[in-house]
Structure formats: C-alpha cells, structure tokens
C-alpha cells in the first residue's frame, strides 16, 4: 500500500525537504503508517502494510497526511481520505506559506 504525491509552489516550483507522514485515523486514535521526505523534484512516497493499522481487521486505512515545514513551525494536517485505495495520490501546493491539497 502506498501514499505518494508531489509538493509544489503556486508557480509550479518543486518544494523539497519537507517531512511528510501518513496516519491511519480511527474514531478515538491515530497510528502512524510511515513517513518520508520530499525530494529535489518535490515528490514523496510512503509505503505501508496492513499490519500497520491499529485494527488490522479493517480492509483499508482512513489516511491523512501531516507535513512538517523545513524550518521551525507547526505541522499541517490535511483531510482524511476514508477507505483509502491501495495507491493514494495526495498532491500538495504551497500558497502564501500555507500547504493545501490540489
């Protein structure tokens, strides 16, 4: 299973060096599925297995992405993708210093 995407500025330039983490969201908890860092071309990939789910009986994860800035600052959490497919693409763009999903 995989979460992947690209991170770019509004002008289309790649944003590298961001820490990207994927989480499985349950009703009362969350569990990290994995993490990665955006490359020079702004791409990231996070591979995970079903065993990473808090409750492995689920068929798919309810995935959300958290992105940490290169410098000091608070992480940005993006919306949950319920019953995420085995290959989920989440592209991000930076607008006025704030991350948004495309």
Protein backbone atom coordinates (compact mmCIF):
# COMPACT_ATOMS: atom_id res chain seq x y z
CA UNK A 1 0.00 0.00 0.00
CA UNK A 2 1.28 3.44 -0.82
CA UNK A 3 0.67 7.15 -0.38
CA UNK A 4 2.55 9.35 -2.84
CA UNK A 5 2.42 12.79 -4.38
CA UNK A 6 4.25 15.98 -5.22
CA UNK A 7 4.62 19.28 -3.44
CA UNK A 8 4.90 22.49 -5.45
CA UNK A 9 4.56 26.24 -5.06
CA UNK A 10 1.72 28.06 -6.76
CA UNK A 11 4.18 28.97 -9.53
CA UNK A 12 4.93 25.26 -10.10
CA UNK A 13 8.37 25.04 -8.45
CA UNK A 14 9.12 21.84 -6.51
CA UNK A 15 9.29 22.08 -2.70
CA UNK A 16 11.97 19.78 -1.30
CA UNK A 17 12.98 18.82 2.22
CA UNK A 18 9.51 18.66 3.79
CA UNK A 19 8.81 15.79 6.20
CA UNK A 20 5.60 14.02 5.19
CA UNK A 21 3.90 11.47 7.46
CA UNK A 22 0.87 9.28 6.77
CA UNK A 23 -1.51 8.21 9.53
CA UNK A 24 -4.46 5.84 9.87
CA UNK A 25 -7.33 7.60 11.65
CA UNK A 26 -9.73 5.67 13.84
CA UNK A 27 -12.62 7.01 15.87
CA UNK A 28 -10.57 7.73 19.00
CA UNK A 29 -6.98 7.33 17.88
CA UNK A 30 -4.47 7.52 15.08
CA UNK A 31 -1.46 5.42 14.14
CA UNK A 32 1.50 6.42 12.01
CA UNK A 33 1.75 4.35 8.84
CA UNK A 34 5.11 5.75 7.76
CA UNK A 35 6.99 8.88 6.82
CA UNK A 36 9.19 10.29 4.11
CA UNK A 37 10.75 13.50 2.87
CA UNK A 38 10.09 15.40 -0.33
CA UNK A 39 12.91 15.02 -2.85
CA UNK A 40 14.52 17.70 -5.03
CA UNK A 41 11.67 17.33 -7.55
CA UNK A 42 9.04 17.69 -4.78
CA UNK A 43 7.98 14.02 -4.78
CA UNK A 44 7.35 11.83 -1.75
CA UNK A 45 6.38 8.18 -1.31
CA UNK A 46 5.27 6.36 1.83
CA UNK A 47 4.82 2.59 1.66
CA UNK A 48 2.95 0.76 4.42
CA UNK A 49 1.39 -2.63 5.13
CA UNK A 50 -1.97 -3.66 6.56
CA UNK A 51 -0.17 -4.72 9.75
CA UNK A 52 0.49 -1.03 10.44
CA UNK A 53 -3.24 -0.41 11.01
CA UNK A 54 -4.25 -0.19 14.64
CA UNK A 55 -7.09 -2.59 13.92
CA UNK A 56 -5.79 -4.88 11.17
CA UNK A 57 -9.30 -6.27 10.57
CA UNK A 58 -10.07 -3.18 8.51
CA UNK A 59 -9.80 -3.61 4.75
CA UNK A 60 -8.34 -0.18 4.17
CA UNK A 61 -6.92 2.70 6.14
CA UNK A 62 -8.56 6.07 6.74
CA UNK A 63 -5.46 8.03 5.74
CA UNK A 64 -4.47 11.59 6.47
CA UNK A 65 -1.20 13.34 5.72
CA UNK A 66 0.77 15.57 8.07
CA UNK A 67 3.51 17.81 6.64
CA UNK A 68 6.23 19.49 8.68
CA UNK A 69 7.98 22.57 7.34
CA UNK A 70 11.74 22.59 6.71
CA UNK A 71 12.24 25.25 9.35
CA UNK A 72 10.62 25.58 12.73
CA UNK A 73 6.87 25.67 12.61
CA UNK A 74 3.75 23.68 13.27
CA UNK A 75 2.83 20.65 11.17
CA UNK A 76 -0.08 20.94 8.75
CA UNK A 77 -2.69 18.17 8.81
CA UNK A 78 -4.72 17.54 5.71
CA UNK A 79 -8.18 16.00 5.42
CA UNK A 80 -8.83 12.28 5.95
CA UNK A 81 -9.23 10.00 2.92
CA UNK A 82 -11.70 7.41 4.24
CA UNK A 83 -11.29 3.85 2.95
CA UNK A 84 -8.20 4.88 1.03
CA UNK A 85 -7.32 2.86 -2.06
CA UNK A 86 -4.14 0.77 -2.06
CA UNK A 87 -2.42 3.52 -4.03
CA UNK A 88 -3.41 7.01 -2.89
CA UNK A 89 -2.10 10.18 -4.58
CA UNK A 90 -2.10 13.35 -2.48
CA UNK A 91 -0.54 16.32 -4.29
CA UNK A 92 0.15 19.46 -2.28
CA UNK A 93 0.83 23.08 -3.14
CA UNK A 94 2.17 25.95 -1.15
CA UNK A 95 0.19 29.20 -1.26
CA UNK A 96 1.27 32.18 0.82
CA UNK A 97 3.31 29.88 3.03
CA UNK A 98 0.36 27.53 3.69
CA UNK A 99 0.07 23.96 2.38
CA UNK A 100 -3.09 22.97 0.55
CA UNK A 101 -4.22 19.82 -1.27
CA UNK A 102 -4.61 20.08 -5.03
